[in-house]
C-alpha atoms as a PDB file:
ATOM      1  CA  MET A   1      60.111   5.378  23.605  1.00  0.00           C
ATOM      2  CA  ALA A   2      62.676   8.032  22.703  1.00  0.00           C
ATOM      3  CA  GLU A   3      60.347  10.700  24.094  1.00  0.00           C
ATOM      4  CA  THR A   4      59.975   8.770  27.357  1.00  0.00           C
ATOM      5  CA  SER A   5      63.745   8.301  27.711  1.00  0.00           C
ATOM      6  CA  ALA A   6      64.363  12.007  27.107  1.00  0.00           C
ATOM      7  CA  ARG A   7      61.754  12.866  29.735  1.00  0.00           C
ATOM      8  CA  LEU A   8      63.378  10.520  32.258  1.00  0.00           C
ATOM      9  CA  LEU A   9      66.722  12.247  31.726  1.00  0.00           C
ATOM     10  CA  ARG A  10      65.054  15.622  32.126  1.00  0.00           C
ATOM     11  CA  LEU A  11      63.361  14.438  35.334  1.00  0.00           C
ATOM     12  CA  LEU A  12      66.667  13.157  36.723  1.00  0.00           C
ATOM     13  CA  SER A  13      68.304  16.471  35.839  1.00  0.00           C
ATOM     14  CA  LEU A  14      65.602  18.421  37.692  1.00  0.00           C
ATOM     15  CA  LEU A  15      65.910  16.210  40.787  1.00  0.00           C
ATOM     16  CA  GLN A  16      69.648  16.981  40.863  1.00  0.00           C
ATOM     17  CA  THR A  17      69.175  20.764  40.888  1.00  0.00           C
ATOM     18  CA  ARG A  18      67.056  21.079  44.053  1.00  0.00           C
ATOM     19  CA  ARG A  19      66.713  19.256  47.340  1.00  0.00           C
ATOM     20  CA  GLU A  20      62.974  18.736  46.940  1.00  0.00           C
ATOM     21  CA  TRP A  21      60.313  19.063  44.225  1.00  0.00           C
ATOM     22  CA  SER A  22      56.559  18.811  44.545  1.00  0.00           C
ATOM     23  CA  GLY A  23      54.726  16.594  42.089  1.00  0.00           C
ATOM     24  CA  ALA A  24      52.895  19.631  40.715  1.00  0.00           C
ATOM     25  CA  GLU A  25      56.158  21.492  40.060  1.00  0.00           C
ATOM     26  CA  LEU A  26      57.654  18.534  38.208  1.00  0.00           C
ATOM     27  CA  SER A  27      54.445  18.108  36.251  1.00  0.00           C
ATOM     28  CA  GLU A  28      54.572  21.745  35.127  1.00  0.00           C
ATOM     29  CA  ARG A  29      58.260  21.615  34.207  1.00  0.00           C
ATOM     30  CA  LEU A  30      57.916  18.407  32.196  1.00  0.00           C
ATOM     31  CA  GLY A  31      54.576  19.266  30.608  1.00  0.00           C
ATOM     32  CA  VAL A  32      52.909  16.052  31.735  1.00  0.00           C
ATOM     33  CA  THR A  33      50.347  15.013  34.321  1.00  0.00           C
ATOM     34  CA  THR A  34      51.228  14.255  37.938  1.00  0.00           C
ATOM     35  CA  ARG A  35      50.255  10.637  37.234  1.00  0.00           C
ATOM     36  CA  THR A  36      52.920  10.476  34.500  1.00  0.00           C
ATOM     37  CA  VAL A  37      55.434  11.973  36.939  1.00  0.00           C
ATOM     38  CA  ARG A  38      54.664   9.175  39.404  1.00  0.00           C
ATOM     39  CA  ARG A  39      55.194   6.550  36.688  1.00  0.00           C
ATOM     40  CA  ASP A  40      58.483   8.156  35.614  1.00  0.00           C
ATOM     41  CA  VAL A  41      59.686   8.222  39.220  1.00  0.00           C
ATOM     42  CA  GLU A  42      58.955   4.499  39.470  1.00  0.00           C
ATOM     43  CA  ARG A  43      60.978   3.897  36.280  1.00  0.00           C
ATOM     44  CA  LEU A  44      63.931   5.783  37.784  1.00  0.00           C
ATOM     45  CA  ARG A  45      63.672   3.635  40.909  1.00  0.00           C
ATOM     46  CA  GLU A  46      63.671   0.471  38.778  1.00  0.00           C
ATOM     47  CA  LEU A  47      66.864   1.746  37.140  1.00  0.00           C
ATOM     48  CA  GLY A  48      68.500   2.059  40.568  1.00  0.00           C
ATOM     49  CA  TYR A  49      68.082   5.765  41.328  1.00  0.00           C
ATOM     50  CA  PRO A  50      66.993   6.343  44.965  1.00  0.00           C
ATOM     51  CA  VAL A  51      64.111   8.784  44.520  1.00  0.00           C
ATOM     52  CA  ASP A  52      62.453   9.323  47.899  1.00  0.00           C
ATOM     53  CA  ALA A  53      58.877  10.465  48.438  1.00  0.00           C
ATOM     54  CA  THR A  54      58.503  13.345  50.922  1.00  0.00           C
ATOM     55  CA  ALA A  55      55.916  13.605  53.668  1.00  0.00           C
ATOM     56  CA  GLY A  56      52.846  15.809  53.434  1.00  0.00           C
ATOM     57  CA  ALA A  57      52.047  17.082  49.953  1.00  0.00           C
ATOM     58  CA  PRO A  58      53.273  14.630  47.286  1.00  0.00           C
ATOM     59  CA  GLY A  59      56.902  15.454  46.584  1.00  0.00           C
ATOM     60  CA  TYR A  60      60.197  13.888  45.585  1.00  0.00           C
ATOM     61  CA  ARG A  61      63.901  14.158  46.329  1.00  0.00           C
ATOM     62  CA  LEU A  62      66.959  12.336  45.050  1.00  0.00           C
ATOM     63  CA  GLY A  63      68.368  10.332  47.921  1.00  0.00           C
ATOM     64  CA  ALA A  64      71.862   9.026  48.531  1.00  0.00           C
ATOM     65  CA  GLY A  65      72.556   5.665  46.911  1.00  0.00           C
ATOM     66  CA  SER A  66      75.390   3.176  46.841  1.00  0.00           C
ATOM     67  CA  ALA A  67      76.635   4.555  43.520  1.00  0.00           C
ATOM     68  CA  LEU A  68      77.011   8.083  42.177  1.00  0.00           C
ATOM     69  CA  PRO A  69      74.301   8.740  39.547  1.00  0.00           C
ATOM     70  CA  PRO A  70      75.352  10.401  36.290  1.00  0.00           C
ATOM     71  CA  LEU A  71      75.289  14.174  36.489  1.00  0.00           C
ATOM     72  CA  LEU A  72      73.250  15.860  33.787  1.00  0.00           C
ATOM     73  CA  LEU A  73      74.670  19.296  32.985  1.00  0.00           C
ATOM     74  CA  ASP A  74      73.657  21.916  30.465  1.00  0.00           C
ATOM     75  CA  ASP A  75      76.345  23.653  28.379  1.00  0.00           C
ATOM     76  CA  ASP A  76      77.041  26.526  30.781  1.00  0.00           C
ATOM     77  CA  GLU A  77      77.046  24.201  33.807  1.00  0.00           C
ATOM     78  CA  ALA A  78      79.543  21.853  32.134  1.00  0.00           C
ATOM     79  CA  VAL A  79      81.913  24.723  31.287  1.00  0.00           C
ATOM     80  CA  ALA A  80      81.591  26.119  34.837  1.00  0.00           C
ATOM     81  CA  VAL A  81      82.492  22.731  36.370  1.00  0.00           C
ATOM     82  CA  ALA A  82      85.462  22.332  34.007  1.00  0.00           C
ATOM     83  CA  VAL A  83      86.781  25.803  34.839  1.00  0.00           C
ATOM     84  CA  GLY A  84      86.337  25.167  38.575  1.00  0.00           C
ATOM     85  CA  LEU A  85      88.223  21.860  38.375  1.00  0.00           C
ATOM     86  CA  SER A  86      90.978  23.514  36.356  1.00  0.00           C
ATOM     87  CA  THR A  87      91.357  26.196  39.026  1.00  0.00           C
ATOM     88  CA  ALA A  88      91.419  23.591  41.808  1.00  0.00           C
ATOM     89  CA  ALA A  89      94.056  21.579  39.931  1.00  0.00           C
ATOM     90  CA  ALA A  90      96.277  24.679  39.948  1.00  0.00           C
ATOM     91  CA  GLY A  91      96.744  24.273  43.693  1.00  0.00           C
ATOM     92  CA  THR A  92      94.533  26.781  45.532  1.00  0.00           C
ATOM     93  CA  VAL A  93      93.603  24.023  48.000  1.00  0.00           C
ATOM     94  CA  ALA A  94      96.449  21.661  48.892  1.00  0.00           C
ATOM     95  CA  GLY A  95      95.779  17.954  48.522  1.00  0.00           C
ATOM     96  CA  ILE A  96      93.076  18.059  45.824  1.00  0.00           C
ATOM     97  CA  GLU A  97      95.245  18.978  42.827  1.00  0.00           C
ATOM     98  CA  GLU A  98      95.613  15.408  41.554  1.00  0.00           C
ATOM     99  CA  THR A  99      91.989  14.405  42.131  1.00  0.00           C
ATOM    100  CA  SER A 100      90.801  17.636  40.459  1.00  0.00           C
ATOM    101  CA  ALA A 101      93.014  16.937  37.436  1.00  0.00           C
ATOM    102  CA  ARG A 102      91.639  13.372  37.181  1.00  0.00           C
ATOM    103  CA  ALA A 103      88.052  14.577  37.415  1.00  0.00           C
ATOM    104  CA  LEU A 104      88.740  17.261  34.791  1.00  0.00           C
ATOM    105  CA  ALA A 105      90.229  14.663  32.430  1.00  0.00           C
ATOM    106  CA  LYS A 106      87.119  12.487  32.797  1.00  0.00           C
ATOM    107  CA  LEU A 107      84.839  15.436  32.135  1.00  0.00           C
ATOM    108  CA  GLU A 108      86.787  16.587  29.082  1.00  0.00           C
ATOM    109  CA  ARG A 109      86.537  13.111  27.516  1.00  0.00           C
ATOM    110  CA  VAL A 110      82.739  13.330  27.450  1.00  0.00           C
ATOM    111  CA  LEU A 111      82.360  17.021  26.606  1.00  0.00           C
ATOM    112  CA  PRO A 112      81.001  17.781  23.134  1.00  0.00           C
ATOM    113  CA  SER A 113      83.641  19.320  20.870  1.00  0.00           C
ATOM    114  CA  ARG A 114      81.967  22.756  20.974  1.00  0.00           C
ATOM    115  CA  LEU A 115      82.308  22.856  24.776  1.00  0.00           C
ATOM    116  CA  ARG A 116      85.785  21.315  24.789  1.00  0.00           C
ATOM    117  CA  HIS A 117      86.979  24.151  22.546  1.00  0.00           C
ATOM    118  CA  ARG A 118      85.552  26.753  24.957  1.00  0.00           C
ATOM    119  CA  VAL A 119      87.278  25.184  27.954  1.00  0.00           C
ATOM    120  CA  HIS A 120      90.601  24.748  26.128  1.00  0.00           C
ATOM    121  CA  ALA A 121      90.511  28.342  24.896  1.00  0.00           C
ATOM    122  CA  LEU A 122      90.151  29.617  28.453  1.00  0.00           C
ATOM    123  CA  GLN A 123      92.881  27.302  29.769  1.00  0.00           C
ATOM    124  CA  SER A 124      95.373  28.126  27.011  1.00  0.00           C
ATOM    125  CA  MET A 125      94.861  31.881  27.322  1.00  0.00           C
ATOM    126  CA  THR A 126      95.151  31.954  31.144  1.00  0.00           C
ATOM    127  CA  VAL A 127      98.469  32.150  32.994  1.00  0.00           C
ATOM    128  CA  PRO A 128      98.252  31.182  36.704  1.00  0.00           C
ATOM    129  CA  MET A 129     100.328  33.317  39.079  1.00  0.00           C
ATOM    130  CA  LYS A 130     102.269  30.921  41.278  1.00  0.00           C
ATOM    131  CA  GLY A 131     102.965  31.811  44.871  1.00  0.00           C
ATOM    132  CA  ALA A 132     100.248  34.492  45.048  1.00  0.00           C
ATOM    133  CA  ALA A 133      98.731  32.771  48.086  1.00  0.00           C
ATOM    134  CA  SER A 134      99.510  30.001  50.543  1.00  0.00           C
ATOM    135  CA  PRO A 135      97.507  26.880  49.639  1.00  0.00           C
ATOM    136  CA  VAL A 136      95.247  25.712  52.433  1.00  0.00           C
ATOM    137  CA  ASP A 137      95.194  22.069  53.500  1.00  0.00           C
ATOM    138  CA  ALA A 138      92.021  20.398  52.229  1.00  0.00           C
ATOM    139  CA  GLY A 139      91.664  18.349  55.417  1.00  0.00           C
ATOM    140  CA  VAL A 140      91.844  21.439  57.614  1.00  0.00           C
ATOM    141  CA  LEU A 141      89.366  23.250  55.392  1.00  0.00           C
ATOM    142  CA  THR A 142      86.787  20.459  55.520  1.00  0.00           C
ATOM    143  CA  ALA A 143      87.300  19.989  59.274  1.00  0.00           C
ATOM    144  CA  VAL A 144      86.673  23.694  59.900  1.00  0.00           C
ATOM    145  CA  ALA A 145      83.593  23.623  57.652  1.00  0.00           C
ATOM    146  CA  ALA A 146      82.237  20.591  59.544  1.00  0.00           C
ATOM    147  CA  ALA A 147      82.758  22.367  62.886  1.00  0.00           C
ATOM    148  CA  CYS A 148      80.855  25.394  61.546  1.00  0.00           C
ATOM    149  CA  ARG A 149      78.013  23.135  60.429  1.00  0.00           C
ATOM    150  CA  ASP A 150      77.876  21.094  63.638  1.00  0.00           C
ATOM    151  CA  HIS A 151      78.408  24.074  66.003  1.00  0.00           C
ATOM    152  CA  GLU A 152      81.450  22.532  67.680  1.00  0.00           C
ATOM    153  CA  VAL A 153      84.159  24.607  69.372  1.00  0.00           C
ATOM    154  CA  LEU A 154      87.478  24.557  67.507  1.00  0.00           C
ATOM    155  CA  ARG A 155      90.768  24.326  69.400  1.00  0.00           C
ATOM    156  CA  PHE A 156      93.863  25.228  67.399  1.00  0.00           C
ATOM    157  CA  ASP A 157      97.327  26.741  67.408  1.00  0.00           C
ATOM    158  CA  TYR A 158      97.551  29.961  65.419  1.00  0.00           C
ATOM    159  CA  ARG A 159     100.436  31.817  63.804  1.00  0.00           C
ATOM    160  CA  SER A 160      99.906  35.580  63.526  1.00  0.00           C
ATOM    161  CA  HIS A 161     101.045  37.846  60.685  1.00  0.00           C
ATOM    162  CA  GLU A 162     104.144  38.678  62.742  1.00  0.00           C
ATOM    163  CA  GLY A 163     104.877  34.974  63.326  1.00  0.00           C
ATOM    164  CA  ARG A 164     103.738  34.812  66.963  1.00  0.00           C
ATOM    165  CA  GLU A 165     102.309  31.437  68.031  1.00  0.00           C
ATOM    166  CA  SER A 166      99.291  31.162  70.326  1.00  0.00           C
ATOM    167  CA  SER A 167      96.686  28.601  71.385  1.00  0.00           C
ATOM    168  CA  ARG A 168      93.123  29.586  70.564  1.00  0.00           C
ATOM    169  CA  SER A 169      89.597  28.366  71.173  1.00  0.00           C
ATOM    170  CA  ALA A 170      86.783  29.682  69.011  1.00  0.00           C
ATOM    171  CA  GLU A 171      83.159  29.114  68.083  1.00  0.00           C
ATOM    172  CA  PRO A 172      83.423  28.856  64.270  1.00  0.00           C
ATOM    173  CA  HIS A 173      80.726  30.646  62.269  1.00  0.00           C
ATOM    174  CA  ARG A 174      81.575  30.736  58.549  1.00  0.00           C
ATOM    175  CA  LEU A 175      84.434  30.319  56.093  1.00  0.00           C
ATOM    176  CA  VAL A 176      85.076  33.244  53.730  1.00  0.00           C
ATOM    177  CA  HIS A 177      87.261  33.046  50.624  1.00  0.00           C
ATOM    178  CA  SER A 178      88.848  36.340  49.577  1.00  0.00           C
ATOM    179  CA  GLY A 179      90.109  35.067  46.222  1.00  0.00           C
ATOM    180  CA  ARG A 180      93.623  34.605  47.619  1.00  0.00           C
ATOM    181  CA  TRP A 181      93.134  33.181  51.109  1.00  0.00           C
ATOM    182  CA  TRP A 182      90.576  31.288  53.166  1.00  0.00           C
ATOM    183  CA  TYR A 183      89.459  32.906  56.424  1.00  0.00           C
ATOM    184  CA  LEU A 184      87.415  31.663  59.364  1.00  0.00           C
ATOM    185  CA  VAL A 185      85.074  34.092  61.091  1.00  0.00           C
ATOM    186  CA  GLY A 186      84.452  32.989  64.672  1.00  0.00           C
ATOM    187  CA  TRP A 187      83.868  34.031  68.264  1.00  0.00           C
ATOM    188  CA  ASP A 188      87.191  33.912  70.135  1.00  0.00           C
ATOM    189  CA  ALA A 189      86.627  32.551  73.649  1.00  0.00           C
ATOM    190  CA  GLY A 190      89.791  34.150  75.045  1.00  0.00           C
ATOM    191  CA  LYS A 191      89.198  37.590  73.514  1.00  0.00           C
ATOM    192  CA  GLU A 192      85.426  37.393  74.057  1.00  0.00           C
ATOM    193  CA  ASP A 193      84.913  38.995  70.672  1.00  0.00           C
ATOM    194  CA  TRP A 194      84.580  38.160  66.984  1.00  0.00           C
ATOM    195  CA  ARG A 195      87.849  37.463  65.176  1.00  0.00           C
ATOM    196  CA  THR A 196      89.059  36.413  61.732  1.00  0.00           C
ATOM    197  CA  TYR A 197      91.709  33.716  61.217  1.00  0.00           C
ATOM    198  CA  ARG A 198      93.703  32.787  58.118  1.00  0.00           C
ATOM    199  CA  VAL A 199      93.006  29.059  57.718  1.00  0.00           C
ATOM    200  CA  ASP A 200      96.502  28.333  56.359  1.00  0.00           C
ATOM    201  CA  ARG A 201      97.901  29.617  59.672  1.00  0.00           C
ATOM    202  CA  MET A 202      95.733  27.281  61.770  1.00  0.00           C
ATOM    203  CA  SER A 203      96.918  23.954  63.201  1.00  0.00           C
ATOM    204  CA  LEU A 204      93.865  22.117  64.500  1.00  0.00           C
ATOM    205  CA  ARG A 205      93.856  20.208  67.765  1.00  0.00           C
ATOM    206  CA  THR A 206      91.653  17.180  68.173  1.00  0.00           C
ATOM    207  CA  PRO A 207      89.124  16.403  69.314  1.00  0.00           C
ATOM    208  CA  ASN A 208      86.902  19.446  68.914  1.00  0.00           C
ATOM    209  CA  GLY A 209      85.421  21.119  71.964  1.00  0.00           C
ATOM    210  CA  PRO A 210      81.785  20.951  73.070  1.00  0.00           C
ATOM    211  CA  ARG A 211      78.817  22.014  70.994  1.00  0.00           C
ATOM    212  CA  PHE A 212      77.588  25.590  71.346  1.00  0.00           C
ATOM    213  CA  VAL A 213      74.521  27.665  70.603  1.00  0.00           C
ATOM    214  CA  PRO A 214      75.309  29.863  67.570  1.00  0.00           C
ATOM    215  CA  ARG A 215      75.573  33.604  68.209  1.00  0.00           C
ATOM    216  CA  ASP A 216      74.254  36.338  65.957  1.00  0.00           C
ATOM    217  CA  PRO A 217      77.001  37.094  63.391  1.00  0.00           C
ATOM    218  CA  PRO A 218      78.972  40.347  63.697  1.00  0.00           C
ATOM    219  CA  ASP A 219      77.537  41.550  60.367  1.00  0.00           C
ATOM    220  CA  GLU A 220      74.907  40.288  57.950  1.00  0.00           C
ATOM    221  CA  ASP A 221      77.439  40.862  55.167  1.00  0.00           C
ATOM    222  CA  LEU A 222      80.348  38.678  56.284  1.00  0.00           C
ATOM    223  CA  ALA A 223      82.373  39.522  53.164  1.00  0.00           C
ATOM    224  CA  ALA A 224      82.242  43.219  54.068  1.00  0.00           C
ATOM    225  CA  TYR A 225      83.066  42.400  57.703  1.00  0.00           C
ATOM    226  CA  LEU A 226      86.109  40.400  56.620  1.00  0.00           C
ATOM    227  CA  SER A 227      87.215  43.199  54.302  1.00  0.00           C
ATOM    228  CA  ARG A 228      87.153  45.695  57.169  1.00  0.00           C
ATOM    229  CA  ALA A 229      88.858  43.290  59.552  1.00  0.00           C
ATOM    230  CA  VAL A 230      91.824  42.416  57.349  1.00  0.00           C
ATOM    231  CA  SER A 231      92.274  45.670  55.414  1.00  0.00           C
ATOM    232  CA  SER A 232      92.640  48.121  58.314  1.00  0.00           C
ATOM    233  CA  ALA A 233      92.224  46.691  61.813  1.00  0.00           C
ATOM    234  CA  PRO A 234      95.569  44.779  62.013  1.00  0.00           C
ATOM    235  CA  TYR A 235      97.659  47.773  60.972  1.00  0.00           C
ATOM    236  CA  ARG A 236      99.347  50.621  62.837  1.00  0.00           C
ATOM    237  CA  TYR A 237      97.573  53.301  60.772  1.00  0.00           C
ATOM    238  CA  GLN A 238      93.882  53.249  59.860  1.00  0.00           C
ATOM    239  CA  ALA A 239      92.937  55.735  57.176  1.00  0.00           C
ATOM    240  CA  ARG A 240      89.585  57.208  56.175  1.00  0.00           C
ATOM    241  CA  LEU A 241      89.351  59.119  52.906  1.00  0.00           C
ATOM    242  CA  THR A 242      86.610  60.594  50.752  1.00  0.00           C
ATOM    243  CA  MET A 243      87.194  59.570  47.140  1.00  0.00           C
ATOM    244  CA  HIS A 244      85.775  61.682  44.303  1.00  0.00           C
ATOM    245  CA  ALA A 245      84.626  58.723  42.259  1.00  0.00           C
ATOM    246  CA  SER A 246      81.921  56.076  42.503  1.00  0.00           C
ATOM    247  CA  ALA A 247      82.362  53.106  44.819  1.00  0.00           C
ATOM    248  CA  GLU A 248      82.429  50.833  41.770  1.00  0.00           C
ATOM    249  CA  VAL A 249      85.356  52.729  40.233  1.00  0.00           C
ATOM    250  CA  VAL A 250      87.395  52.788  43.448  1.00  0.00           C
ATOM    251  CA  ALA A 251      86.686  49.117  44.254  1.00  0.00           C
ATOM    252  CA  GLY A 252      87.970  48.238  40.793  1.00  0.00           C
ATOM    253  CA  HIS A 253      91.432  49.471  41.818  1.00  0.00           C
ATOM    254  CA  MET A 254      91.912  46.978  44.658  1.00  0.00           C
ATOM    255  CA  PRO A 255      91.039  43.576  46.098  1.00  0.00           C
ATOM    256  CA  PRO A 256      88.619  43.551  49.071  1.00  0.00           C
ATOM    257  CA  THR A 257      91.417  42.619  51.481  1.00  0.00           C
ATOM    258  CA  MET A 258      93.160  45.962  50.852  1.00  0.00           C
ATOM    259  CA  GLY A 259      90.317  48.310  51.725  1.00  0.00           C
ATOM    260  CA  THR A 260      86.605  48.787  52.302  1.00  0.00           C
ATOM    261  CA  VAL A 261      84.570  51.083  50.067  1.00  0.00           C
ATOM    262  CA  LYS A 262      81.268  52.660  51.166  1.00  0.00           C
ATOM    263  CA  SER A 263      79.163  54.488  48.610  1.00  0.00           C
ATOM    264  CA  VAL A 264      78.010  58.039  49.396  1.00  0.00           C
ATOM    265  CA  ASP A 265      76.444  58.913  46.044  1.00  0.00           C
ATOM    266  CA  GLU A 266      77.072  58.244  42.348  1.00  0.00           C
ATOM    267  CA  GLU A 267      80.231  60.375  42.339  1.00  0.00           C
ATOM    268  CA  THR A 268      81.598  59.969  45.887  1.00  0.00           C
ATOM    269  CA  CYS A 269      82.555  57.169  48.255  1.00  0.00           C
ATOM    270  CA  VAL A 270      84.455  56.624  51.502  1.00  0.00           C
ATOM    271  CA  LEU A 271      87.563  54.442  51.542  1.00  0.00           C
ATOM    272  CA  LEU A 272      88.757  52.728  54.740  1.00  0.00           C
ATOM    273  CA  CYS A 273      92.191  51.129  54.623  1.00  0.00           C
ATOM    274  CA  GLY A 274      95.257  50.506  56.745  1.00  0.00           C
ATOM    275  CA  ALA A 275      99.034  50.026  56.627  1.00  0.00           C
ATOM    276  CA  ASN A 276     102.039  49.902  58.899  1.00  0.00           C
ATOM    277  CA  ASN A 277     103.820  52.399  56.664  1.00  0.00           C
ATOM    278  CA  LEU A 278     102.144  55.664  55.617  1.00  0.00           C
ATOM    279  CA  ASP A 279     103.993  55.709  52.303  1.00  0.00           C
ATOM    280  CA  GLU A 280     102.143  52.558  51.260  1.00  0.00           C
ATOM    281  CA  ILE A 281      98.833  54.401  51.522  1.00  0.00           C
ATOM    282  CA  VAL A 282     100.227  57.542  49.851  1.00  0.00           C
ATOM    283  CA  ILE A 283     101.508  55.639  46.821  1.00  0.00           C
ATOM    284  CA  TRP A 284      98.565  53.265  46.549  1.00  0.00           C
ATOM    285  CA  VAL A 285      95.892  55.983  46.720  1.00  0.00           C
ATOM    286  CA  GLY A 286      97.907  58.412  44.616  1.00  0.00           C
ATOM    287  CA  LEU A 287      98.186  55.942  41.752  1.00  0.00           C
ATOM    288  CA  MET A 288      94.403  55.534  41.536  1.00  0.00           C
ATOM    289  CA  ASP A 289      94.165  58.759  39.507  1.00  0.00           C
ATOM    290  CA  VAL A 290      91.124  59.748  41.593  1.00  0.00           C
ATOM    291  CA  GLY A 291      90.735  62.945  43.607  1.00  0.00           C
ATOM    292  CA  PHE A 292      90.487  62.449  47.355  1.00  0.00           C
ATOM    293  CA  VAL A 293      90.369  64.140  50.766  1.00  0.00           C
ATOM    294  CA  VAL A 294      92.052  62.613  53.827  1.00  0.00           C
ATOM    295  CA  HIS A 295      90.066  62.724  57.076  1.00  0.00           C
ATOM    296  CA  GLU A 296      92.342  60.605  59.248  1.00  0.00           C
ATOM    297  CA  PRO A 297      94.914  59.940  60.527  1.00  0.00           C
ATOM    298  CA  PRO A 298      96.543  63.397  60.772  1.00  0.00           C
ATOM    299  CA  GLU A 299      99.952  61.786  60.164  1.00  0.00           C
ATOM    300  CA  LEU A 300      98.777  60.784  56.685  1.00  0.00           C
ATOM    301  CA  VAL A 301      97.847  64.371  55.831  1.00  0.00           C
ATOM    302  CA  GLU A 302     101.311  65.498  56.897  1.00  0.00           C
ATOM    303  CA  ARG A 303     103.036  62.708  54.986  1.00  0.00           C
ATOM    304  CA  ILE A 304     101.152  63.500  51.776  1.00  0.00           C
ATOM    305  CA  GLY A 305     102.343  67.094  52.079  1.00  0.00           C
ATOM    306  CA  VAL A 306     105.967  65.972  52.427  1.00  0.00           C
ATOM    307  CA  VAL A 307     105.730  63.656  49.421  1.00  0.00           C
ATOM    308  CA  ALA A 308     103.931  66.308  47.352  1.00  0.00           C
ATOM    309  CA  ASP A 309     106.661  68.872  48.092  1.00  0.00           C
ATOM    310  CA  ARG A 310     109.338  66.392  47.137  1.00  0.00           C
ATOM    311  CA  LEU A 311     107.618  65.552  43.858  1.00  0.00           C
ATOM    312  CA  GLN A 312     107.055  69.219  43.066  1.00  0.00           C
ATOM    313  CA  ALA A 313     110.728  69.982  43.738  1.00  0.00           C
ATOM    314  CA  SER A 314     111.765  67.140  41.478  1.00  0.00           C
ATOM    315  CA  ARG A 315     109.563  68.493  38.704  1.00  0.00           C
ATOM    316  CA  ALA A 316     111.129  71.949  39.009  1.00  0.00           C
ATOM    317  CA  THR A 317     114.702  70.672  38.711  1.00  0.00           C
ATOM    318  CA  THR A 318     113.986  68.832  35.454  1.00  0.00           C
ATOM    319  CA  ARG A 319     112.930  71.947  33.538  1.00  0.00           C
END
């Protein structure tokens, strides 16, 4: 009986990890016959779990029921969920802090002591940096995600980096999280081009617009597209430099929203970045302790020369 109960828990755990399993796959994972799998599925149904049979080849999926079934997590999964809830409770998405804290408290009560110690060690040794980003409203975030899924035009008021207000209409494609902010990548109807929008600067209008046929995205790698869009395009100066270090080393000096790194070979890469003030680029790149060559803009080359002369003169006067 104990062996059967353990197998039922294992079966339920497998059904929770994928949308659909074939009977043969479950049979192989559990080390039993497909007939035993069918009997175990019937036992789960008798216990109230909505296990649906799929059409075609015999298969199974866990359907939606009236109650939430218990989640069966291995050690690493449990720690990952606890860490994620802890991060959410810190306020990265407005409106879910309290519910995340409640869910975390419930999870911690049932964690084995060995896992509870791992989670507590991480929490106690981590200091959150308040004010590093503007929290995004959870309702706005889920509404934007639903519009992306359902291919519905979004209508919203938008506040630019400079504080200018405008009314926009866009075909939403995907949400991208940079680690600090949430962005929407979408086709702007007014600009007739792809644009990125900070979600915390969006004020949605209801209802949504009509449904649309999705366009091909501007780039297969939307994270790289967002990095290029927000790290150089909005600024007065766009710089291109060859860095005498690997792309991995240079990328380690900055978040993706500050620049885009393209590998050339194991010892060289190209850095694309932008700023409204040339000194920002001079100081930022200079502090990397990596050799580099500036290709553009010419104003940056001139500014580096001015700063270098000033630093050299300062060094001479201190001798």
